[in-house]
Amino acid sequence: MTDRTQTNRWLVLVIVCVAQFMVVLDATIVNVALPSIQRELDVEPGNLIWVVNAYVLALASLIMVGGTLGDRYGRKRVFLIGLAIFTAMSAACALSPNESVLIAARAAQGVGAALVAPLSLSILASTVFAAAREIRGFTLTVSDLDRSIDFYEQALGFRKVGEKTLSDQSFDYLTGVFGARVRTARLQLGDEFVELEQYLAPSGQPIPVDSRSNDLWFQHFAVVVSDMDRAFEHVSRYPILSISSAPQTIPPSNLAAAGIKAYKFRDPDGHPLELLWFPGGKGKIKWQQQTGELFLGIDHSAIAVSDTKRSSVFWQGLVGLKIAGGGVNTGVTQEQLDNAFGAVVRITGLIPERDGGPGLEFLQYLTPSGGRPAPIGIRPNDLVATRTVVEVDNLDSLAQALQANNVTFVSPRVISITGMAWSRGLMVKDPDGHAVLLVEQ
């Protein structure tokens, strides 16, 4: 953890605590000033109580709305808007020329407080005390870096923002692949990032050609598009292998996902990918913004799991992601999307505490049965070994908790490394063998 990161967290702690203190204080401190208010503004005794009640009623009535707006539009954004309203209306109260203006300003002050109060604790959890702070991106092992860069740039709208060759003992210890020489490229789409790594030595195994959606090594990330028909037509010009028969629209019977369009396919190395389109009112607010771009960013990564409860113990209980929702997808649409006859999939969505960035989904296939477990010997130089990169709050403490819970370590310990977007890392595996790179700034 850098000094700057630590300083920023304490600053957030101070700001949030002071704001919450003022919200509570303003509900009661005005009682002390009531005699002066009555005398200076010539307030009728019957109206004096509204100087107090206007604030309290607005706060109590809208506090749930404030929490909902924070979830929808971003906690930090709504918190700051609420803080601005609260501060401005505090000044308006002080400058009020008569009782009507004062009562109106107190009511508006309560509106600002209703935006601040419900978000204070969640901001503290996400910024100061979080375990999983953010999913930083995903790392794919590829067989030909230049070919993969061309594909992701031309077919999916990514742009390369960095490239280097790694040959470092610390990287060997981090990945468990010794004597490695790796070409790596960092690609960006919207606000999200993907790392492509080609192991020049030692090379790994290709993705099994008979891989299926219910195999437990399955992991894809979902690229959000502004127009599914155009995006499907565009990617079809490139060397992809379809998983879905065609883009599918989630039916109205699935209330949580109704109207969402999806299409799954594989890149030239066989990595599964998904295109997603969100109708109005679904998905993050940023996916509804008109940018003029066809490919917008990465919404989430989905991993096949054998047992949702067991995976939740790792990802929620230890790593610190939060369960955001879930459901069961079935029917013809799901069969066509996954190319799996009789598909019944329990889906669980998880998010880190920090707003923005991609989330994670569990895909537990109740049917069809027969999904194969990940081979025990998969290493990061194997093309099937997609890694989820998660920034955590205290990597040393988390490493101890993971060890105490018998989590499989790929790295022997927390590794300090230079030249990366983070300073320390630890690679582990979840209960189904999916590789997870835990990092700390």
Protein backbone atom coordinates (compact mmCIF):
# COMPACT_ATOMS: atom_id res chain seq x y z
CA MET A 1 0.00 0.00 0.00
CA THR A 2 1.54 3.33 -0.99
CA ASP A 3 1.70 6.36 1.31
CA ARG A 4 -0.53 8.24 -1.12
CA THR A 5 -3.17 5.50 -1.02
CA GLN A 6 -3.06 5.43 2.78
CA THR A 7 -3.37 9.23 2.95
CA ASN A 8 -6.33 9.22 0.57
CA ARG A 9 -8.15 6.65 2.69
CA TRP A 10 -7.72 8.68 5.88
CA LEU A 11 -8.89 11.79 4.02
CA VAL A 12 -12.03 9.95 2.89
CA LEU A 13 -12.57 8.73 6.46
CA VAL A 14 -12.36 12.29 7.83
CA ILE A 15 -14.66 13.77 5.15
CA VAL A 16 -17.32 11.09 5.53
CA CYS A 17 -17.27 11.17 9.33
CA VAL A 18 -17.53 14.96 9.45
CA ALA A 19 -20.39 14.90 6.93
CA GLN A 20 -22.28 12.25 8.91
CA PHE A 21 -21.67 14.18 12.14
CA MET A 22 -23.14 17.34 10.60
CA VAL A 23 -26.20 15.47 9.33
CA VAL A 24 -26.96 14.20 12.84
CA LEU A 25 -26.01 17.46 14.52
CA ASP A 26 -28.34 19.56 12.37
CA ALA A 27 -31.30 17.46 13.42
CA THR A 28 -30.96 18.63 17.03
CA ILE A 29 -28.66 21.64 17.33
CA VAL A 30 -31.27 23.99 15.89
CA ASN A 31 -33.30 23.54 19.08
CA VAL A 32 -30.74 25.65 20.88
CA ALA A 33 -31.29 28.50 18.44
CA LEU A 34 -35.11 28.45 18.41
CA PRO A 35 -35.54 31.35 20.86
CA SER A 36 -33.17 33.53 18.81
CA ILE A 37 -34.88 32.49 15.55
CA GLN A 38 -38.29 33.39 16.97
CA ARG A 39 -37.03 36.75 18.16
CA GLU A 40 -35.01 37.75 15.07
CA LEU A 41 -37.46 36.56 12.39
CA ASP A 42 -40.65 37.15 14.37
CA VAL A 43 -41.77 33.55 13.86
CA GLU A 44 -45.20 32.52 15.13
CA PRO A 45 -44.90 29.96 17.98
CA GLY A 46 -47.00 27.47 16.03
CA ASN A 47 -44.65 27.66 13.04
CA LEU A 48 -41.46 27.39 15.05
CA ILE A 49 -41.68 23.61 15.24
CA TRP A 50 -41.44 23.44 11.42
CA VAL A 51 -37.90 24.81 11.56
CA VAL A 52 -37.03 21.46 13.14
CA ASN A 53 -39.58 19.20 11.45
CA ALA A 54 -38.96 20.35 7.88
CA TYR A 55 -35.40 18.98 8.08
CA VAL A 56 -36.26 15.78 9.94
CA LEU A 57 -39.22 14.90 7.71
CA ALA A 58 -37.26 15.43 4.49
CA LEU A 59 -34.39 13.33 5.83
CA ALA A 60 -36.60 10.49 7.07
CA SER A 61 -38.79 10.44 3.95
CA LEU A 62 -35.97 10.40 1.39
CA ILE A 63 -33.18 8.43 3.04
CA MET A 64 -34.13 5.20 1.22
CA VAL A 65 -34.29 7.11 -2.06
CA GLY A 66 -30.78 8.41 -1.40
CA GLY A 67 -29.46 4.87 -1.03
CA THR A 68 -31.18 3.75 -4.22
CA LEU A 69 -29.80 6.71 -6.18
CA GLY A 70 -26.31 5.85 -4.90
CA ASP A 71 -26.62 2.29 -6.15
CA ARG A 72 -27.93 3.48 -9.50
CA TYR A 73 -25.74 6.49 -10.28
CA GLY A 74 -22.67 5.91 -8.13
CA ARG A 75 -22.19 6.37 -4.39
CA LYS A 76 -19.43 8.94 -4.65
CA ARG A 77 -21.34 11.08 -7.16
CA VAL A 78 -24.59 11.09 -5.18
CA PHE A 79 -22.75 11.63 -1.88
CA LEU A 80 -20.98 14.71 -3.27
CA ILE A 81 -24.23 16.08 -4.72
CA GLY A 82 -25.90 15.60 -1.35
CA LEU A 83 -22.98 17.25 0.43
CA ALA A 84 -23.16 20.24 -1.94
CA ILE A 85 -26.92 20.62 -1.37
CA PHE A 86 -26.49 20.29 2.40
CA THR A 87 -23.72 22.91 2.49
CA ALA A 88 -25.52 25.38 0.22
CA MET A 89 -28.77 25.09 2.17
CA SER A 90 -26.91 25.52 5.46
CA ALA A 91 -25.70 28.86 4.13
CA ALA A 92 -29.24 29.67 2.94
CA CYS A 93 -30.57 28.97 6.43
CA ALA A 94 -28.05 31.36 7.94
CA LEU A 95 -29.04 34.11 5.48
CA SER A 96 -32.81 33.55 5.58
CA PRO A 97 -34.71 36.88 5.79
CA ASN A 98 -37.98 35.35 7.04
CA GLU A 99 -39.55 32.17 8.37
CA SER A 100 -40.81 30.91 5.00
CA VAL A 101 -37.36 31.00 3.43
CA LEU A 102 -35.85 29.41 6.55
CA ILE A 103 -38.33 26.51 6.59
CA ALA A 104 -37.87 25.90 2.84
CA ALA A 105 -34.09 25.96 3.23
CA ARG A 106 -34.31 23.52 6.15
CA ALA A 107 -36.41 21.14 4.03
CA ALA A 108 -33.88 21.35 1.19
CA GLN A 109 -31.10 20.82 3.72
CA GLY A 110 -32.88 17.60 4.73
CA VAL A 111 -32.91 16.49 1.10
CA GLY A 112 -29.13 16.88 0.96
CA ALA A 113 -28.80 15.01 4.25
CA ALA A 114 -30.92 12.17 2.83
CA LEU A 115 -28.36 11.74 0.06
CA VAL A 116 -25.37 11.88 2.40
CA ALA A 117 -26.54 9.70 5.30
CA PRO A 118 -27.21 6.32 3.61
CA LEU A 119 -24.00 6.45 1.56
CA SER A 120 -21.54 7.29 4.33
CA LEU A 121 -21.11 3.74 5.64
CA SER A 122 -20.98 2.18 2.18
CA ILE A 123 -18.26 4.64 1.11
CA LEU A 124 -16.28 3.82 4.24
CA ALA A 125 -16.62 0.11 3.46
CA SER A 126 -15.63 0.53 -0.16
CA THR A 127 -12.77 3.00 0.30
CA VAL A 128 -11.34 2.58 3.78
CA PHE A 129 -12.13 -0.94 4.98
CA ALA A 130 -12.67 -2.89 1.74
CA ALA A 131 -11.13 -6.29 1.06
CA ALA A 132 -11.78 -6.51 -2.69
CA ARG A 133 -11.54 -2.88 -3.73
CA GLU A 134 -11.74 -3.33 -7.50
CA ILE A 135 -11.51 -5.89 -10.28
CA ARG A 136 -8.62 -4.39 -12.20
CA GLY A 137 -9.04 -6.48 -15.33
CA PHE A 138 -8.31 -9.88 -16.82
CA THR A 139 -5.22 -11.62 -18.18
CA LEU A 140 -5.35 -14.01 -21.13
CA THR A 141 -2.51 -16.26 -22.26
CA VAL A 142 -2.26 -16.27 -26.06
CA SER A 143 -0.27 -18.25 -28.59
CA ASP A 144 0.64 -15.32 -30.86
CA LEU A 145 0.64 -11.86 -29.28
CA ASP A 146 0.70 -9.89 -32.53
CA ARG A 147 -2.24 -11.84 -33.94
CA SER A 148 -4.22 -11.40 -30.72
CA ILE A 149 -3.53 -7.67 -30.56
CA ASP A 150 -4.74 -7.30 -34.14
CA PHE A 151 -7.88 -9.29 -33.36
CA TYR A 152 -8.84 -7.40 -30.21
CA GLU A 153 -8.10 -4.01 -31.76
CA GLN A 154 -9.82 -4.62 -35.08
CA ALA A 155 -12.66 -6.94 -34.10
CA LEU A 156 -13.55 -5.56 -30.67
CA GLY A 157 -12.34 -1.96 -30.60
CA PHE A 158 -9.60 -2.32 -27.98
CA ARG A 159 -6.48 -0.15 -28.23
CA LYS A 160 -3.00 -1.12 -27.12
CA VAL A 161 -1.68 1.14 -24.35
CA GLY A 162 1.54 -0.70 -23.50
CA GLU A 163 3.80 -3.60 -24.43
CA LYS A 164 6.89 -5.14 -22.86
CA THR A 165 8.84 -8.35 -22.40
CA LEU A 166 9.14 -9.89 -18.95
CA SER A 167 12.01 -12.10 -17.84
CA ASP A 168 12.21 -11.70 -14.10
CA GLN A 169 12.61 -14.02 -11.14
CA SER A 170 9.88 -12.21 -9.21
CA PHE A 171 7.44 -12.83 -12.07
CA ASP A 172 8.47 -16.50 -12.05
CA TYR A 173 7.61 -16.78 -8.37
CA LEU A 174 4.34 -14.92 -8.87
CA THR A 175 3.11 -17.24 -11.64
CA GLY A 176 4.83 -20.48 -10.64
CA VAL A 177 6.31 -20.75 -14.15
CA PHE A 178 10.10 -20.71 -13.87
CA GLY A 179 12.55 -19.58 -16.50
CA ALA A 180 9.70 -17.69 -18.20
CA ARG A 181 10.16 -15.14 -20.94
CA VAL A 182 6.85 -13.42 -21.65
CA ARG A 183 5.71 -10.81 -24.15
CA THR A 184 2.81 -8.89 -22.69
CA ALA A 185 0.50 -6.19 -24.04
CA ARG A 186 -1.97 -4.05 -22.13
CA LEU A 187 -5.21 -3.27 -23.99
CA GLN A 188 -7.95 -0.83 -23.04
CA LEU A 189 -11.63 -0.64 -23.95
CA GLY A 190 -13.54 2.20 -22.35
CA ASP A 191 -12.48 2.26 -18.70
CA GLU A 192 -11.47 -1.41 -18.55
CA PHE A 193 -8.22 -3.26 -19.26
CA VAL A 194 -7.09 -6.67 -20.50
CA GLU A 195 -3.56 -8.06 -20.42
CA LEU A 196 -2.47 -10.43 -23.19
CA GLU A 197 0.57 -12.61 -22.41
CA GLN A 198 2.51 -14.81 -24.82
CA TYR A 199 4.92 -17.19 -23.14
CA LEU A 200 7.92 -17.36 -25.44
CA ALA A 201 9.34 -19.92 -23.02
CA PRO A 202 8.16 -22.24 -21.69
CA SER A 203 5.10 -22.57 -23.93
CA GLY A 204 1.88 -24.04 -22.54
CA GLN A 205 -1.03 -26.16 -23.63
CA PRO A 206 -3.79 -24.98 -26.01
CA ILE A 207 -7.42 -24.72 -24.94
CA PRO A 208 -9.13 -28.10 -25.41
CA VAL A 209 -10.96 -28.02 -28.74
CA ASP A 210 -14.00 -29.73 -27.23
CA SER A 211 -14.42 -27.16 -24.43
CA ARG A 212 -18.04 -26.56 -23.43
CA SER A 213 -19.81 -23.83 -21.50
CA ASN A 214 -20.36 -26.07 -18.46
CA ASP A 215 -16.72 -27.18 -18.18
CA LEU A 216 -15.31 -25.75 -14.97
CA TRP A 217 -12.36 -24.06 -16.69
CA PHE A 218 -14.83 -21.93 -18.68
CA GLN A 219 -14.34 -18.16 -18.19
CA HIS A 220 -15.35 -15.33 -20.47
CA PHE A 221 -15.56 -11.57 -20.21
CA ALA A 222 -18.51 -9.64 -21.59
CA VAL A 223 -17.97 -6.70 -23.97
CA VAL A 224 -20.83 -4.19 -23.96
CA VAL A 225 -21.94 -2.86 -27.35
CA SER A 226 -24.19 0.02 -28.36
CA ASP A 227 -25.84 -1.90 -31.22
CA MET A 228 -25.96 -5.69 -31.17
CA ASP A 229 -26.81 -6.17 -34.84
CA ARG A 230 -23.91 -3.99 -36.00
CA ALA A 231 -21.52 -5.57 -33.49
CA PHE A 232 -22.48 -9.10 -34.55
CA GLU A 233 -22.05 -8.23 -38.20
CA HIS A 234 -18.67 -6.65 -37.43
CA VAL A 235 -17.12 -9.49 -35.40
CA SER A 236 -18.42 -12.05 -37.91
CA ARG A 237 -15.90 -10.70 -40.42
CA TYR A 238 -13.04 -11.99 -38.26
CA PRO A 239 -11.83 -15.53 -37.46
CA ILE A 240 -14.19 -16.31 -34.58
CA LEU A 241 -15.87 -19.55 -33.61
CA SER A 242 -19.50 -19.13 -32.59
CA ILE A 243 -20.80 -20.60 -29.36
CA SER A 244 -24.29 -19.08 -29.69
CA SER A 245 -26.32 -19.84 -32.79
CA ALA A 246 -26.98 -16.08 -33.16
CA PRO A 247 -27.51 -13.07 -30.85
CA GLN A 248 -30.18 -13.96 -28.30
CA THR A 249 -32.68 -11.67 -26.52
CA ILE A 250 -33.51 -12.56 -22.93
CA PRO A 251 -37.32 -13.11 -22.76
CA PRO A 252 -39.76 -11.09 -20.58
CA SER A 253 -40.18 -14.07 -18.24
CA ASN A 254 -36.70 -13.30 -16.87
CA LEU A 255 -37.59 -10.03 -15.14
CA ALA A 256 -34.05 -9.13 -14.05
CA ALA A 257 -32.53 -9.52 -17.52
CA ALA A 258 -35.51 -9.10 -19.87
CA GLY A 259 -34.57 -7.42 -23.14
CA ILE A 260 -30.81 -7.85 -22.77
CA LYS A 261 -29.18 -9.17 -25.94
CA ALA A 262 -26.18 -11.52 -25.79
CA TYR A 263 -23.93 -13.46 -28.14
CA LYS A 264 -21.08 -15.81 -27.21
CA PHE A 265 -18.12 -16.79 -29.39
CA ARG A 266 -14.43 -17.69 -29.23
CA ASP A 267 -11.36 -15.71 -30.27
CA PRO A 268 -8.67 -17.26 -32.54
CA ASP A 269 -7.08 -19.03 -29.54
CA GLY A 270 -10.41 -20.39 -28.32
CA HIS A 271 -10.97 -17.99 -25.41
CA PRO A 272 -14.72 -17.58 -24.88
CA LEU A 273 -16.08 -14.03 -25.15
CA GLU A 274 -19.52 -12.44 -25.00
CA LEU A 275 -21.16 -9.41 -26.57
CA LEU A 276 -23.83 -7.70 -24.44
CA TRP A 277 -26.39 -5.01 -25.22
CA PHE A 278 -28.47 -3.42 -22.46
CA PRO A 279 -31.90 -1.85 -23.03
CA GLY A 280 -32.84 1.33 -21.16
CA GLY A 281 -33.04 0.81 -17.41
CA LYS A 282 -30.75 -2.24 -17.41
CA GLY A 283 -27.06 -2.41 -16.59
CA LYS A 284 -24.79 0.38 -15.40
CA ILE A 285 -25.72 3.93 -16.26
CA LYS A 286 -22.54 4.34 -18.32
CA TRP A 287 -23.72 1.73 -20.80
CA GLN A 288 -26.65 4.04 -21.67
CA GLN A 289 -24.46 7.03 -22.51
CA GLN A 290 -24.24 8.00 -26.17
CA THR A 291 -20.53 7.95 -27.06
CA GLY A 292 -20.72 7.12 -30.75
CA GLU A 293 -18.62 4.00 -30.15
CA LEU A 294 -19.79 0.51 -31.09
CA PHE A 295 -17.77 -1.30 -28.39
CA LEU A 296 -18.07 0.38 -24.98
CA GLY A 297 -16.23 -1.59 -22.31
CA ILE A 298 -16.19 -4.75 -20.18
CA ASP A 299 -19.19 -5.33 -17.92
CA HIS A 300 -18.13 -8.51 -16.13
CA SER A 301 -16.40 -11.85 -16.35
CA ALA A 302 -18.35 -15.09 -15.93
CA ILE A 303 -16.87 -18.30 -14.53
CA ALA A 304 -18.36 -21.79 -14.47
CA VAL A 305 -18.65 -23.14 -10.91
CA SER A 306 -19.62 -26.49 -9.49
CA ASP A 307 -21.23 -25.18 -6.29
CA THR A 308 -22.40 -21.59 -5.85
CA LYS A 309 -22.25 -21.76 -2.03
CA ARG A 310 -18.70 -23.08 -2.04
CA SER A 311 -17.56 -20.44 -4.52
CA SER A 312 -19.27 -17.74 -2.44
CA VAL A 313 -17.20 -18.74 0.58
CA PHE A 314 -14.06 -17.93 -1.42
CA TRP A 315 -15.11 -14.92 -3.47
CA GLN A 316 -17.42 -13.28 -0.93
CA GLY A 317 -16.23 -14.55 2.43
CA LEU A 318 -12.48 -14.36 1.78
CA VAL A 319 -11.77 -12.10 -1.20
CA GLY A 320 -14.52 -9.68 -0.22
CA LEU A 321 -16.78 -9.31 -3.26
CA LYS A 322 -20.45 -8.57 -2.59
CA ILE A 323 -23.35 -10.56 -4.02
CA ALA A 324 -25.40 -8.17 -6.15
CA GLY A 325 -28.17 -10.49 -7.30
CA GLY A 326 -28.91 -13.66 -9.17
CA GLY A 327 -31.44 -15.98 -10.69
CA VAL A 328 -31.93 -19.10 -12.80
CA ASN A 329 -31.81 -18.89 -16.60
CA THR A 330 -33.41 -21.61 -18.67
CA GLY A 331 -35.38 -22.22 -21.85
CA VAL A 332 -34.63 -22.09 -25.55
CA THR A 333 -32.85 -18.74 -25.33
CA GLN A 334 -30.32 -20.08 -22.83
CA GLU A 335 -29.85 -23.26 -24.85
CA GLN A 336 -29.10 -21.26 -28.00
CA LEU A 337 -26.87 -18.80 -26.14
CA ASP A 338 -24.69 -21.49 -24.55
CA ASN A 339 -25.04 -24.16 -27.25
CA ALA A 340 -26.13 -26.50 -24.47
CA PHE A 341 -29.32 -28.54 -24.82
CA GLY A 342 -31.51 -28.34 -21.72
CA ALA A 343 -29.40 -25.60 -20.14
CA VAL A 344 -30.52 -24.55 -16.66
CA VAL A 345 -28.02 -22.11 -15.18
CA ARG A 346 -27.96 -20.61 -11.71
CA ILE A 347 -26.38 -17.16 -12.14
CA THR A 348 -24.98 -15.13 -9.25
CA GLY A 349 -23.58 -11.64 -9.78
CA LEU A 350 -20.84 -10.21 -7.57
CA ILE A 351 -19.29 -6.76 -7.40
CA PRO A 352 -16.36 -5.20 -5.54
CA GLU A 353 -16.99 -2.42 -3.06
CA ARG A 354 -15.62 0.33 -5.30
CA ASP A 355 -18.12 1.67 -7.84
CA GLY A 356 -17.39 1.19 -11.51
CA GLY A 357 -15.28 -1.44 -13.20
CA PRO A 358 -16.27 -4.98 -14.10
CA GLY A 359 -18.04 -7.47 -11.87
CA LEU A 360 -17.99 -11.26 -11.67
CA GLU A 361 -20.66 -13.87 -12.36
CA PHE A 362 -20.97 -17.47 -11.24
CA LEU A 363 -22.47 -19.86 -13.79
CA GLN A 364 -23.57 -23.06 -12.07
CA TYR A 365 -25.00 -25.43 -14.68
CA LEU A 366 -27.72 -27.49 -13.02
CA THR A 367 -28.19 -29.12 -16.43
CA PRO A 368 -26.70 -30.37 -18.63
CA SER A 369 -24.58 -32.42 -16.27
CA GLY A 370 -21.13 -33.66 -17.12
CA GLY A 371 -19.16 -30.42 -16.96
CA ARG A 372 -15.54 -31.45 -16.57
CA PRO A 373 -13.33 -30.20 -13.71
CA ALA A 374 -10.30 -28.08 -14.49
CA PRO A 375 -7.14 -30.16 -14.80
CA ILE A 376 -5.04 -29.89 -11.64
CA GLY A 377 -1.88 -29.08 -13.56
CA ILE A 378 -3.11 -25.91 -15.35
CA ARG A 379 -0.47 -23.18 -15.19
CA PRO A 380 -0.53 -19.52 -16.30
CA ASN A 381 1.34 -20.36 -19.53
CA ASP A 382 -1.56 -22.63 -20.58
CA LEU A 383 -4.02 -20.81 -22.83
CA VAL A 384 -7.00 -21.93 -20.75
CA ALA A 385 -5.66 -20.15 -17.63
CA THR A 386 -7.51 -16.82 -17.70
CA ARG A 387 -6.73 -14.75 -14.59
CA THR A 388 -9.01 -12.30 -12.80
CA VAL A 389 -7.00 -9.41 -11.35
CA VAL A 390 -8.44 -8.13 -8.06
CA GLU A 391 -7.05 -5.18 -6.10
CA VAL A 392 -7.40 -5.81 -2.37
CA ASP A 393 -7.08 -3.69 0.72
CA ASN A 394 -4.54 -5.60 2.81
CA LEU A 395 -2.82 -8.35 0.89
CA ASP A 396 -0.78 -9.71 3.80
CA SER A 397 -3.84 -10.19 6.01
CA LEU A 398 -5.79 -11.71 3.14
CA ALA A 399 -2.93 -14.12 2.37
CA GLN A 400 -3.04 -15.35 5.96
CA ALA A 401 -6.81 -15.86 5.78
CA LEU A 402 -6.50 -17.73 2.48
CA GLN A 403 -3.80 -19.97 3.89
CA ALA A 404 -5.87 -20.68 7.01
CA ASN A 405 -8.73 -21.76 4.74
CA ASN A 406 -6.53 -24.12 2.68
CA VAL A 407 -6.83 -22.12 -0.54
CA THR A 408 -4.50 -23.32 -3.31
CA PHE A 409 -1.55 -20.95 -3.76
CA VAL A 410 0.16 -20.57 -7.13
CA SER A 411 2.66 -18.07 -5.74
CA PRO A 412 4.57 -19.33 -2.68
CA ARG A 413 3.99 -16.01 -0.88
CA VAL A 414 3.14 -12.34 -1.53
CA ILE A 415 5.59 -11.18 -4.21
CA SER A 416 6.95 -7.65 -4.63
CA ILE A 417 7.44 -6.80 -8.28
CA THR A 418 8.45 -3.73 -10.29
CA GLY A 419 7.29 -2.46 -13.66
CA MET A 420 3.65 -3.42 -13.20
CA ALA A 421 0.51 -1.36 -12.55
CA TRP A 422 0.66 -2.63 -8.96
CA SER A 423 3.51 -3.23 -6.51
CA ARG A 424 2.74 -6.57 -4.80
CA GLY A 425 0.82 -9.63 -5.92
CA LEU A 426 -0.27 -13.14 -4.99
CA MET A 427 -1.76 -15.70 -7.37
CA VAL A 428 -4.18 -18.28 -5.99
CA LYS A 429 -6.92 -20.56 -7.31
CA ASP A 430 -10.60 -20.57 -6.40
CA PRO A 431 -12.38 -23.84 -5.46
CA ASP A 432 -12.90 -24.76 -9.14
CA GLY A 433 -9.36 -23.94 -10.24
CA HIS A 434 -9.89 -20.45 -11.72
CA ALA A 435 -6.72 -18.42 -11.29
CA VAL A 436 -7.00 -15.17 -9.32
CA LEU A 437 -4.25 -12.55 -9.18
CA LEU A 438 -4.64 -10.54 -5.98
CA VAL A 439 -2.75 -7.26 -6.12
CA GLU A 440 -2.02 -4.30 -3.87
CA GLN A 441 -0.99 -0.81 -4.89
